[in-house]
PDB file of N, CA and C in Angstrom:
ATOM      1  N   MET A   1      -5.566   7.688  11.130  1.00  0.00           N
ATOM      2  CA  MET A   1      -6.551   7.470  10.105  1.00  0.00           C
ATOM      3  C   MET A   1      -7.929   7.681  10.716  1.00  0.00           C
ATOM      4  N   LYS A   2      -8.815   8.220   9.922  1.00  0.00           N
ATOM      5  CA  LYS A   2     -10.157   8.491  10.403  1.00  0.00           C
ATOM      6  C   LYS A   2     -10.904   7.194  10.691  1.00  0.00           C
ATOM      7  N   THR A   3     -11.793   7.272  11.666  1.00  0.00           N
ATOM      8  CA  THR A   3     -12.570   6.092  12.048  1.00  0.00           C
ATOM      9  C   THR A   3     -13.394   5.570  10.877  1.00  0.00           C
ATOM     10  N   ALA A   4     -13.988   6.472  10.102  1.00  0.00           N
ATOM     11  CA  ALA A   4     -14.795   6.043   8.952  1.00  0.00           C
ATOM     12  C   ALA A   4     -13.958   5.249   7.963  1.00  0.00           C
ATOM     13  N   ALA A   5     -12.725   5.691   7.751  1.00  0.00           N
ATOM     14  CA  ALA A   5     -11.844   4.985   6.822  1.00  0.00           C
ATOM     15  C   ALA A   5     -11.521   3.588   7.334  1.00  0.00           C
ATOM     16  N   ARG A   6     -11.361   3.475   8.644  1.00  0.00           N
ATOM     17  CA  ARG A   6     -11.085   2.157   9.221  1.00  0.00           C
ATOM     18  C   ARG A   6     -12.242   1.205   8.982  1.00  0.00           C
ATOM     19  N   TRP A   7     -13.438   1.684   9.245  1.00  0.00           N
ATOM     20  CA  TRP A   7     -14.609   0.819   9.071  1.00  0.00           C
ATOM     21  C   TRP A   7     -14.835   0.476   7.610  1.00  0.00           C
ATOM     22  N   MET A   8     -14.549   1.429   6.740  1.00  0.00           N
ATOM     23  CA  MET A   8     -14.692   1.153   5.307  1.00  0.00           C
ATOM     24  C   MET A   8     -13.687   0.092   4.873  1.00  0.00           C
ATOM     25  N   ALA A   9     -12.468   0.196   5.378  1.00  0.00           N
ATOM     26  CA  ALA A   9     -11.441  -0.794   5.030  1.00  0.00           C
ATOM     27  C   ALA A   9     -11.835  -2.180   5.517  1.00  0.00           C
ATOM     28  N   VAL A  10     -12.351  -2.232   6.727  1.00  0.00           N
ATOM     29  CA  VAL A  10     -12.781  -3.518   7.284  1.00  0.00           C
ATOM     30  C   VAL A  10     -13.943  -4.077   6.466  1.00  0.00           C
ATOM     31  N   GLY A  11     -14.906  -3.224   6.147  1.00  0.00           N
ATOM     32  CA  GLY A  11     -16.061  -3.660   5.348  1.00  0.00           C
ATOM     33  C   GLY A  11     -15.638  -4.159   3.987  1.00  0.00           C
ATOM     34  N   LEU A  12     -14.710  -3.439   3.374  1.00  0.00           N
ATOM     35  CA  LEU A  12     -14.212  -3.840   2.072  1.00  0.00           C
ATOM     36  C   LEU A  12     -13.519  -5.189   2.144  1.00  0.00           C
ATOM     37  N   LEU A  13     -12.719  -5.365   3.179  1.00  0.00           N
ATOM     38  CA  LEU A  13     -12.007  -6.629   3.351  1.00  0.00           C
ATOM     39  C   LEU A  13     -12.984  -7.782   3.519  1.00  0.00           C
ATOM     40  N   VAL A  14     -14.005  -7.574   4.317  1.00  0.00           N
ATOM     41  CA  VAL A  14     -15.004  -8.618   4.536  1.00  0.00           C
ATOM     42  C   VAL A  14     -15.738  -8.923   3.234  1.00  0.00           C
ATOM     43  N   CYS A  15     -16.136  -7.887   2.511  1.00  0.00           N
ATOM     44  CA  CYS A  15     -16.860  -8.103   1.254  1.00  0.00           C
ATOM     45  C   CYS A  15     -15.993  -8.810   0.223  1.00  0.00           C
ATOM     46  N   SER A  16     -14.730  -8.381   0.103  1.00  0.00           N
ATOM     47  CA  SER A  16     -13.867  -9.035  -0.874  1.00  0.00           C
ATOM     48  C   SER A  16     -13.595 -10.478  -0.471  1.00  0.00           C
ATOM     49  N   SER A  17     -13.508 -10.735   0.821  1.00  0.00           N
ATOM     50  CA  SER A  17     -13.295 -12.102   1.285  1.00  0.00           C
ATOM     51  C   SER A  17     -14.510 -12.969   0.996  1.00  0.00           C
ATOM     52  N   LEU A  18     -15.699 -12.419   1.179  1.00  0.00           N
ATOM     53  CA  LEU A  18     -16.910 -13.190   0.908  1.00  0.00           C
ATOM     54  C   LEU A  18     -17.062 -13.469  -0.582  1.00  0.00           C
ATOM     55  N   ALA A  19     -16.709 -12.491  -1.400  1.00  0.00           N
ATOM     56  CA  ALA A  19     -16.854 -12.663  -2.844  1.00  0.00           C
ATOM     57  C   ALA A  19     -15.929 -13.756  -3.368  1.00  0.00           C
ATOM     58  N   MET A  20     -14.771 -13.922  -2.751  1.00  0.00           N
ATOM     59  CA  MET A  20     -13.816 -14.902  -3.225  1.00  0.00           C
ATOM     60  C   MET A  20     -13.677 -16.062  -2.237  1.00  0.00           C
ATOM     61  N   ALA A  21     -14.680 -16.254  -1.379  1.00  0.00           N
ATOM     62  CA  ALA A  21     -14.573 -17.202  -0.272  1.00  0.00           C
ATOM     63  C   ALA A  21     -14.149 -18.599  -0.710  1.00  0.00           C
ATOM     64  N   LEU A  22     -14.738 -19.115  -1.762  1.00  0.00           N
ATOM     65  CA  LEU A  22     -14.406 -20.481  -2.159  1.00  0.00           C
ATOM     66  C   LEU A  22     -12.958 -20.598  -2.618  1.00  0.00           C
ATOM     67  N   ASP A  23     -12.524 -19.737  -3.489  1.00  0.00           N
ATOM     68  CA  ASP A  23     -11.164 -19.825  -3.991  1.00  0.00           C
ATOM     69  C   ASP A  23     -10.141 -19.483  -2.919  1.00  0.00           C
ATOM     70  N   VAL A  24     -10.294 -18.328  -2.289  1.00  0.00           N
ATOM     71  CA  VAL A  24      -9.336 -17.903  -1.282  1.00  0.00           C
ATOM     72  C   VAL A  24      -9.415 -18.818  -0.070  1.00  0.00           C
ATOM     73  N   GLY A  25     -10.626 -19.137   0.344  1.00  0.00           N
ATOM     74  CA  GLY A  25     -10.796 -20.023   1.502  1.00  0.00           C
ATOM     75  C   GLY A  25     -10.171 -21.386   1.270  1.00  0.00           C
ATOM     76  N   GLY A  26     -10.374 -21.914   0.108  1.00  0.00           N
ATOM     77  CA  GLY A  26      -9.784 -23.208  -0.222  1.00  0.00           C
ATOM     78  C   GLY A  26      -8.266 -23.151  -0.259  1.00  0.00           C
ATOM     79  N   ALA A  27      -7.755 -22.085  -0.841  1.00  0.00           N
ATOM     80  CA  ALA A  27      -6.302 -21.928  -0.916  1.00  0.00           C
ATOM     81  C   ALA A  27      -5.701 -21.737   0.473  1.00  0.00           C
ATOM     82  N   LYS A  28      -6.406 -20.995   1.329  1.00  0.00           N
ATOM     83  CA  LYS A  28      -5.929 -20.821   2.708  1.00  0.00           C
ATOM     84  C   LYS A  28      -5.979 -22.152   3.459  1.00  0.00           C
ATOM     85  N   ALA A  29      -7.074 -22.892   3.279  1.00  0.00           N
ATOM     86  CA  ALA A  29      -7.231 -24.173   3.971  1.00  0.00           C
ATOM     87  C   ALA A  29      -6.147 -25.170   3.549  1.00  0.00           C
ATOM     88  N   GLN A  30      -5.706 -25.074   2.307  1.00  0.00           N
ATOM     89  CA  GLN A  30      -4.653 -25.965   1.810  1.00  0.00           C
ATOM     90  C   GLN A  30      -3.249 -25.471   2.176  1.00  0.00           C
ATOM     91  N   GLY A  31      -3.167 -24.300   2.798  1.00  0.00           N
ATOM     92  CA  GLY A  31      -1.868 -23.752   3.175  1.00  0.00           C
ATOM     93  C   GLY A  31      -1.088 -23.170   2.017  1.00  0.00           C
ATOM     94  N   LEU A  32      -1.792 -22.783   0.961  1.00  0.00           N
ATOM     95  CA  LEU A  32      -1.123 -22.224  -0.213  1.00  0.00           C
ATOM     96  C   LEU A  32      -0.891 -20.724  -0.098  1.00  0.00           C
ATOM     97  N   VAL A  33      -1.829 -20.025   0.547  1.00  0.00           N
ATOM     98  CA  VAL A  33      -1.737 -18.572   0.694  1.00  0.00           C
ATOM     99  C   VAL A  33      -2.043 -18.183   2.132  1.00  0.00           C
ATOM    100  N   GLY A  34      -1.642 -16.978   2.491  1.00  0.00           N
ATOM    101  CA  GLY A  34      -1.913 -16.483   3.831  1.00  0.00           C
ATOM    102  C   GLY A  34      -1.957 -14.965   3.849  1.00  0.00           C
ATOM    103  N   GLU A  35      -2.435 -14.427   4.945  1.00  0.00           N
ATOM    104  CA  GLU A  35      -2.539 -12.979   5.096  1.00  0.00           C
ATOM    105  C   GLU A  35      -1.219 -12.398   5.592  1.00  0.00           C
ATOM    106  N   GLN A  36      -0.939 -11.191   5.124  1.00  0.00           N
ATOM    107  CA  GLN A  36       0.286 -10.494   5.492  1.00  0.00           C
ATOM    108  C   GLN A  36      -0.049  -9.180   6.188  1.00  0.00           C
ATOM    109  N   PRO A  37       0.854  -8.665   7.005  1.00  0.00           N
ATOM    110  CA  PRO A  37       0.603  -7.403   7.708  1.00  0.00           C
ATOM    111  C   PRO A  37       0.436  -6.207   6.777  1.00  0.00           C
ATOM    112  N   ASP A  38       0.915  -6.317   5.543  1.00  0.00           N
ATOM    113  CA  ASP A  38       0.818  -5.187   4.614  1.00  0.00           C
ATOM    114  C   ASP A  38      -0.537  -5.104   3.906  1.00  0.00           C
ATOM    115  N   GLY A  39      -1.468  -6.009   4.264  1.00  0.00           N
ATOM    116  CA  GLY A  39      -2.809  -5.959   3.679  1.00  0.00           C
ATOM    117  C   GLY A  39      -2.994  -6.780   2.425  1.00  0.00           C
ATOM    118  N   TYR A  40      -1.977  -7.479   2.030  1.00  0.00           N
ATOM    119  CA  TYR A  40      -2.054  -8.259   0.801  1.00  0.00           C
ATOM    120  C   TYR A  40      -1.918  -9.745   1.094  1.00  0.00           C
ATOM    121  N   LEU A  41      -2.414 -10.541   0.174  1.00  0.00           N
ATOM    122  CA  LEU A  41      -2.350 -11.985   0.282  1.00  0.00           C
ATOM    123  C   LEU A  41      -0.963 -12.436  -0.162  1.00  0.00           C
ATOM    124  N   GLY A  42      -0.354 -13.317   0.608  1.00  0.00           N
ATOM    125  CA  GLY A  42       0.964 -13.819   0.258  1.00  0.00           C
ATOM    126  C   GLY A  42       0.912 -15.280  -0.128  1.00  0.00           C
ATOM    127  N   VAL A  43       1.887 -15.703  -0.895  1.00  0.00           N
ATOM    128  CA  VAL A  43       1.985 -17.090  -1.338  1.00  0.00           C
ATOM    129  C   VAL A  43       2.865 -17.843  -0.356  1.00  0.00           C
ATOM    130  N   VAL A  44       2.284 -18.858   0.278  1.00  0.00           N
ATOM    131  CA  VAL A  44       3.018 -19.689   1.236  1.00  0.00           C
ATOM    132  C   VAL A  44       3.722 -20.818   0.496  1.00  0.00           C
ATOM    133  N   LYS A  45       2.987 -21.514  -0.350  1.00  0.00           N
ATOM    134  CA  LYS A  45       3.537 -22.598  -1.164  1.00  0.00           C
ATOM    135  C   LYS A  45       3.273 -22.244  -2.620  1.00  0.00           C
ATOM    136  N   ALA A  46       4.330 -21.994  -3.356  1.00  0.00           N
ATOM    137  CA  ALA A  46       4.200 -21.511  -4.728  1.00  0.00           C
ATOM    138  C   ALA A  46       3.720 -22.605  -5.679  1.00  0.00           C
ATOM    139  N   THR A  47       2.503 -22.438  -6.110  1.00  0.00           N
ATOM    140  CA  THR A  47       1.950 -23.220  -7.212  1.00  0.00           C
ATOM    141  C   THR A  47       1.448 -22.192  -8.217  1.00  0.00           C
ATOM    142  N   PRO A  48       1.318 -22.564  -9.468  1.00  0.00           N
ATOM    143  CA  PRO A  48       0.813 -21.593 -10.447  1.00  0.00           C
ATOM    144  C   PRO A  48      -0.554 -21.015 -10.047  1.00  0.00           C
ATOM    145  N   GLU A  49      -1.399 -21.869  -9.486  1.00  0.00           N
ATOM    146  CA  GLU A  49      -2.732 -21.418  -9.085  1.00  0.00           C
ATOM    147  C   GLU A  49      -2.667 -20.434  -7.918  1.00  0.00           C
ATOM    148  N   ALA A  50      -1.816 -20.732  -6.933  1.00  0.00           N
ATOM    149  CA  ALA A  50      -1.682 -19.850  -5.767  1.00  0.00           C
ATOM    150  C   ALA A  50      -1.110 -18.497  -6.171  1.00  0.00           C
ATOM    151  N   VAL A  51      -0.117 -18.511  -7.035  1.00  0.00           N
ATOM    152  CA  VAL A  51       0.499 -17.262  -7.489  1.00  0.00           C
ATOM    153  C   VAL A  51      -0.518 -16.424  -8.263  1.00  0.00           C
ATOM    154  N   ALA A  52      -1.272 -17.063  -9.158  1.00  0.00           N
ATOM    155  CA  ALA A  52      -2.278 -16.338  -9.939  1.00  0.00           C
ATOM    156  C   ALA A  52      -3.385 -15.793  -9.047  1.00  0.00           C
ATOM    157  N   LEU A  53      -3.833 -16.602  -8.092  1.00  0.00           N
ATOM    158  CA  LEU A  53      -4.886 -16.164  -7.173  1.00  0.00           C
ATOM    159  C   LEU A  53      -4.423 -14.966  -6.357  1.00  0.00           C
ATOM    160  N   ALA A  54      -3.220 -15.042  -5.797  1.00  0.00           N
ATOM    161  CA  ALA A  54      -2.701 -13.941  -4.992  1.00  0.00           C
ATOM    162  C   ALA A  54      -2.556 -12.677  -5.834  1.00  0.00           C
ATOM    163  N   ALA A  55      -2.083 -12.797  -7.050  1.00  0.00           N
ATOM    164  CA  ALA A  55      -1.931 -11.622  -7.920  1.00  0.00           C
ATOM    165  C   ALA A  55      -3.279 -10.981  -8.220  1.00  0.00           C
ATOM    166  N   ASP A  56      -4.279 -11.802  -8.494  1.00  0.00           N
ATOM    167  CA  ASP A  56      -5.619 -11.296  -8.788  1.00  0.00           C
ATOM    168  C   ASP A  56      -6.228 -10.597  -7.575  1.00  0.00           C
ATOM    169  N   ILE A  57      -6.185 -11.259  -6.439  1.00  0.00           N
ATOM    170  CA  ILE A  57      -6.748 -10.691  -5.215  1.00  0.00           C
ATOM    171  C   ILE A  57      -6.004  -9.417  -4.836  1.00  0.00           C
ATOM    172  N   ASN A  58      -4.691  -9.430  -4.926  1.00  0.00           N
ATOM    173  CA  ASN A  58      -3.908  -8.263  -4.532  1.00  0.00           C
ATOM    174  C   ASN A  58      -4.159  -7.065  -5.438  1.00  0.00           C
ATOM    175  N   ALA A  59      -4.349  -7.291  -6.720  1.00  0.00           N
ATOM    176  CA  ALA A  59      -4.672  -6.184  -7.627  1.00  0.00           C
ATOM    177  C   ALA A  59      -6.007  -5.550  -7.238  1.00  0.00           C
ATOM    178  N   LYS A  60      -6.972  -6.386  -6.913  1.00  0.00           N
ATOM    179  CA  LYS A  60      -8.288  -5.881  -6.495  1.00  0.00           C
ATOM    180  C   LYS A  60      -8.200  -5.162  -5.150  1.00  0.00           C
ATOM    181  N   ARG A  61      -7.429  -5.716  -4.218  1.00  0.00           N
ATOM    182  CA  ARG A  61      -7.262  -5.065  -2.921  1.00  0.00           C
ATOM    183  C   ARG A  61      -6.582  -3.708  -3.092  1.00  0.00           C
ATOM    184  N   ARG A  62      -5.530  -3.653  -3.893  1.00  0.00           N
ATOM    185  CA  ARG A  62      -4.812  -2.395  -4.082  1.00  0.00           C
ATOM    186  C   ARG A  62      -5.739  -1.327  -4.657  1.00  0.00           C
ATOM    187  N   GLU A  63      -6.528  -1.686  -5.627  1.00  0.00           N
ATOM    188  CA  GLU A  63      -7.478  -0.751  -6.238  1.00  0.00           C
ATOM    189  C   GLU A  63      -8.476  -0.246  -5.187  1.00  0.00           C
ATOM    190  N   ALA A  64      -8.981  -1.153  -4.388  1.00  0.00           N
ATOM    191  CA  ALA A  64      -9.947  -0.775  -3.354  1.00  0.00           C
ATOM    192  C   ALA A  64      -9.294   0.082  -2.272  1.00  0.00           C
ATOM    193  N   TYR A  65      -8.104  -0.295  -1.837  1.00  0.00           N
ATOM    194  CA  TYR A  65      -7.390   0.486  -0.818  1.00  0.00           C
ATOM    195  C   TYR A  65      -7.125   1.902  -1.328  1.00  0.00           C
ATOM    196  N   ASP A  66      -6.745   2.017  -2.596  1.00  0.00           N
ATOM    197  CA  ASP A  66      -6.460   3.325  -3.179  1.00  0.00           C
ATOM    198  C   ASP A  66      -7.713   4.202  -3.186  1.00  0.00           C
ATOM    199  N   ALA A  67      -8.839   3.614  -3.550  1.00  0.00           N
ATOM    200  CA  ALA A  67     -10.091   4.373  -3.567  1.00  0.00           C
ATOM    201  C   ALA A  67     -10.463   4.848  -2.160  1.00  0.00           C
ATOM    202  N   ILE A  68     -10.306   3.981  -1.190  1.00  0.00           N
ATOM    203  CA  ILE A  68     -10.611   4.343   0.205  1.00  0.00           C
ATOM    204  C   ILE A  68      -9.674   5.449   0.677  1.00  0.00           C
ATOM    205  N   ALA A  69      -8.400   5.322   0.353  1.00  0.00           N
ATOM    206  CA  ALA A  69      -7.413   6.323   0.767  1.00  0.00           C
ATOM    207  C   ALA A  69      -7.742   7.693   0.176  1.00  0.00           C
ATOM    208  N   LYS A  70      -8.052   7.723  -1.099  1.00  0.00           N
ATOM    209  CA  LYS A  70      -8.374   8.996  -1.759  1.00  0.00           C
ATOM    210  C   LYS A  70      -9.630   9.610  -1.164  1.00  0.00           C
ATOM    211  N   LYS A  71     -10.627   8.783  -0.915  1.00  0.00           N
ATOM    212  CA  LYS A  71     -11.886   9.283  -0.369  1.00  0.00           C
ATOM    213  C   LYS A  71     -11.707   9.867   1.028  1.00  0.00           C
ATOM    214  N   ASN A  72     -10.778   9.325   1.795  1.00  0.00           N
ATOM    215  CA  ASN A  72     -10.606   9.730   3.187  1.00  0.00           C
ATOM    216  C   ASN A  72      -9.366  10.576   3.450  1.00  0.00           C
ATOM    217  N   GLY A  73      -8.669  10.961   2.406  1.00  0.00           N
ATOM    218  CA  GLY A  73      -7.511  11.825   2.569  1.00  0.00           C
ATOM    219  C   GLY A  73      -6.374  11.189   3.345  1.00  0.00           C
ATOM    220  N   THR A  74      -6.147   9.931   3.117  1.00  0.00           N
ATOM    221  CA  THR A  74      -5.056   9.216   3.778  1.00  0.00           C
ATOM    222  C   THR A  74      -4.241   8.517   2.704  1.00  0.00           C
ATOM    223  N   THR A  75      -3.281   7.719   3.110  1.00  0.00           N
ATOM    224  CA  THR A  75      -2.444   7.055   2.115  1.00  0.00           C
ATOM    225  C   THR A  75      -2.901   5.615   1.878  1.00  0.00           C
ATOM    226  N   LEU A  76      -2.562   5.132   0.718  1.00  0.00           N
ATOM    227  CA  LEU A  76      -2.853   3.742   0.379  1.00  0.00           C
ATOM    228  C   LEU A  76      -2.187   2.812   1.386  1.00  0.00           C
ATOM    229  N   ASP A  77      -0.958   3.117   1.769  1.00  0.00           N
ATOM    230  CA  ASP A  77      -0.240   2.262   2.723  1.00  0.00           C
ATOM    231  C   ASP A  77      -0.943   2.200   4.077  1.00  0.00           C
ATOM    232  N   GLN A  78      -1.475   3.331   4.543  1.00  0.00           N
ATOM    233  CA  GLN A  78      -2.179   3.326   5.834  1.00  0.00           C
ATOM    234  C   GLN A  78      -3.422   2.439   5.769  1.00  0.00           C
ATOM    235  N   VAL A  79      -4.161   2.544   4.684  1.00  0.00           N
ATOM    236  CA  VAL A  79      -5.361   1.722   4.522  1.00  0.00           C
ATOM    237  C   VAL A  79      -4.975   0.247   4.429  1.00  0.00           C
ATOM    238  N   ALA A  80      -3.953  -0.054   3.647  1.00  0.00           N
ATOM    239  CA  ALA A  80      -3.520  -1.442   3.461  1.00  0.00           C
ATOM    240  C   ALA A  80      -3.055  -2.064   4.778  1.00  0.00           C
ATOM    241  N   ILE A  81      -2.297  -1.316   5.552  1.00  0.00           N
ATOM    242  CA  ILE A  81      -1.791  -1.847   6.824  1.00  0.00           C
ATOM    243  C   ILE A  81      -2.939  -2.112   7.792  1.00  0.00           C
ATOM    244  N   LEU A  82      -3.908  -1.206   7.847  1.00  0.00           N
ATOM    245  CA  LEU A  82      -5.063  -1.431   8.719  1.00  0.00           C
ATOM    246  C   LEU A  82      -5.843  -2.666   8.257  1.00  0.00           C
ATOM    247  N   ALA A  83      -6.026  -2.798   6.955  1.00  0.00           N
ATOM    248  CA  ALA A  83      -6.728  -3.973   6.427  1.00  0.00           C
ATOM    249  C   ALA A  83      -5.952  -5.252   6.738  1.00  0.00           C
ATOM    250  N   GLY A  84      -4.622  -5.180   6.660  1.00  0.00           N
ATOM    251  CA  GLY A  84      -3.795  -6.342   6.985  1.00  0.00           C
ATOM    252  C   GLY A  84      -3.942  -6.762   8.432  1.00  0.00           C
ATOM    253  N   GLN A  85      -3.978  -5.788   9.328  1.00  0.00           N
ATOM    254  CA  GLN A  85      -4.165  -6.087  10.746  1.00  0.00           C
ATOM    255  C   GLN A  85      -5.509  -6.778  10.966  1.00  0.00           C
ATOM    256  N   LYS A  86      -6.536  -6.240  10.339  1.00  0.00           N
ATOM    257  CA  LYS A  86      -7.879  -6.818  10.501  1.00  0.00           C
ATOM    258  C   LYS A  86      -7.953  -8.219   9.898  1.00  0.00           C
ATOM    259  N   ALA A  87      -7.326  -8.409   8.748  1.00  0.00           N
ATOM    260  CA  ALA A  87      -7.343  -9.727   8.099  1.00  0.00           C
ATOM    261  C   ALA A  87      -6.634 -10.768   8.963  1.00  0.00           C
ATOM    262  N   ILE A  88      -5.515 -10.382   9.550  1.00  0.00           N
ATOM    263  CA  ILE A  88      -4.776 -11.320  10.408  1.00  0.00           C
ATOM    264  C   ILE A  88      -5.598 -11.643  11.653  1.00  0.00           C
ATOM    265  N   GLU A  89      -6.255 -10.631  12.225  1.00  0.00           N
ATOM    266  CA  GLU A  89      -7.104 -10.867  13.397  1.00  0.00           C
ATOM    267  C   GLU A  89      -8.228 -11.854  13.079  1.00  0.00           C
ATOM    268  N   LYS A  90      -8.772 -11.765  11.864  1.00  0.00           N
ATOM    269  CA  LYS A  90      -9.905 -12.615  11.478  1.00  0.00           C
ATOM    270  C   LYS A  90      -9.488 -13.965  10.918  1.00  0.00           C
ATOM    271  N   THR A  91      -8.208 -14.167  10.716  1.00  0.00           N
ATOM    272  CA  THR A  91      -7.734 -15.437  10.174  1.00  0.00           C
ATOM    273  C   THR A  91      -7.990 -16.549  11.181  1.00  0.00           C
ATOM    274  N   PRO A  92      -8.641 -17.613  10.737  1.00  0.00           N
ATOM    275  CA  PRO A  92      -8.948 -18.703  11.669  1.00  0.00           C
ATOM    276  C   PRO A  92      -7.705 -19.514  12.043  1.00  0.00           C
ATOM    277  N   PRO A  93      -7.739 -20.157  13.192  1.00  0.00           N
ATOM    278  CA  PRO A  93      -6.627 -21.020  13.594  1.00  0.00           C
ATOM    279  C   PRO A  93      -6.352 -22.077  12.524  1.00  0.00           C
ATOM    280  N   GLY A  94      -5.086 -22.356  12.332  1.00  0.00           N
ATOM    281  CA  GLY A  94      -4.689 -23.353  11.340  1.00  0.00           C
ATOM    282  C   GLY A  94      -4.310 -22.762  10.002  1.00  0.00           C
ATOM    283  N   SER A  95      -4.681 -21.497   9.767  1.00  0.00           N
ATOM    284  CA  SER A  95      -4.307 -20.831   8.522  1.00  0.00           C
ATOM    285  C   SER A  95      -3.013 -20.067   8.729  1.00  0.00           C
ATOM    286  N   TYR A  96      -2.337 -19.779   7.630  1.00  0.00           N
ATOM    287  CA  TYR A  96      -1.052 -19.097   7.710  1.00  0.00           C
ATOM    288  C   TYR A  96      -1.194 -17.584   7.723  1.00  0.00           C
ATOM    289  N   VAL A  97      -0.332 -16.970   8.532  1.00  0.00           N
ATOM    290  CA  VAL A  97      -0.160 -15.519   8.548  1.00  0.00           C
ATOM    291  C   VAL A  97       1.344 -15.253   8.562  1.00  0.00           C
ATOM    292  N   LYS A  98       1.718 -14.095   8.048  1.00  0.00           N
ATOM    293  CA  LYS A  98       3.134 -13.750   8.043  1.00  0.00           C
ATOM    294  C   LYS A  98       3.454 -13.015   9.343  1.00  0.00           C
ATOM    295  N   ALA A  99       4.421 -13.533  10.070  1.00  0.00           N
ATOM    296  CA  ALA A  99       4.860 -12.952  11.341  1.00  0.00           C
ATOM    297  C   ALA A  99       5.707 -11.707  11.072  1.00  0.00           C
ATOM    298  N   PRO A 100       5.884 -10.864  12.088  1.00  0.00           N
ATOM    299  CA  PRO A 100       6.727  -9.675  11.914  1.00  0.00           C
ATOM    300  C   PRO A 100       8.154  -9.972  11.445  1.00  0.00           C
ATOM    301  N   ASN A 101       8.648 -11.168  11.731  1.00  0.00           N
ATOM    302  CA  ASN A 101      10.002 -11.527  11.298  1.00  0.00           C
ATOM    303  C   ASN A 101      10.035 -12.001   9.834  1.00  0.00           C
ATOM    304  N   GLY A 102       8.878 -12.008   9.171  1.00  0.00           N
ATOM    305  CA  GLY A 102       8.811 -12.393   7.762  1.00  0.00           C
ATOM    306  C   GLY A 102       8.573 -13.867   7.514  1.00  0.00           C
ATOM    307  N   GLN A 103       8.443 -14.648   8.569  1.00  0.00           N
ATOM    308  CA  GLN A 103       8.212 -16.084   8.447  1.00  0.00           C
ATOM    309  C   GLN A 103       6.711 -16.396   8.425  1.00  0.00           C
ATOM    310  N   TRP A 104       6.336 -17.399   7.671  1.00  0.00           N
ATOM    311  CA  TRP A 104       4.958 -17.864   7.686  1.00  0.00           C
ATOM    312  C   TRP A 104       4.749 -18.750   8.906  1.00  0.00           C
ATOM    313  N   VAL A 105       3.679 -18.495   9.641  1.00  0.00           N
ATOM    314  CA  VAL A 105       3.350 -19.304  10.815  1.00  0.00           C
ATOM    315  C   VAL A 105       1.864 -19.640  10.774  1.00  0.00           C
ATOM    316  N   LYS A 106       1.537 -20.807  11.309  1.00  0.00           N
ATOM    317  CA  LYS A 106       0.127 -21.163  11.450  1.00  0.00           C
ATOM    318  C   LYS A 106      -0.426 -20.438  12.662  1.00  0.00           C
ATOM    319  N   LYS A 107      -1.569 -19.849  12.483  1.00  0.00           N
ATOM    320  CA  LYS A 107      -2.200 -19.112  13.574  1.00  0.00           C
ATOM    321  C   LYS A 107      -2.844 -20.088  14.537  1.00  0.00           C
TER     322      LYS A 107
END
């Protein structure tokens, strides 16, 4: 993937995280949702609010990843995976991330 696409994906992830900081941050702090390697938010503890939040955030992420992929001549999956790696790297200790084995673990 092109370097510009990587930086755009990271910038997008940071901006989307800041825009939803209170809701997503609160849900992460409560252990309801966590970051996944595929670039999408996952539900750790299923509550109606967590499921709705993850669906909303993931729809917005998918739309943004698709736009970045088209602009840079790459695939949506490549952009999403790079964003997932960056999101997991930036996840603070104590929050959940999905491990390669598919299990939720506290970072």
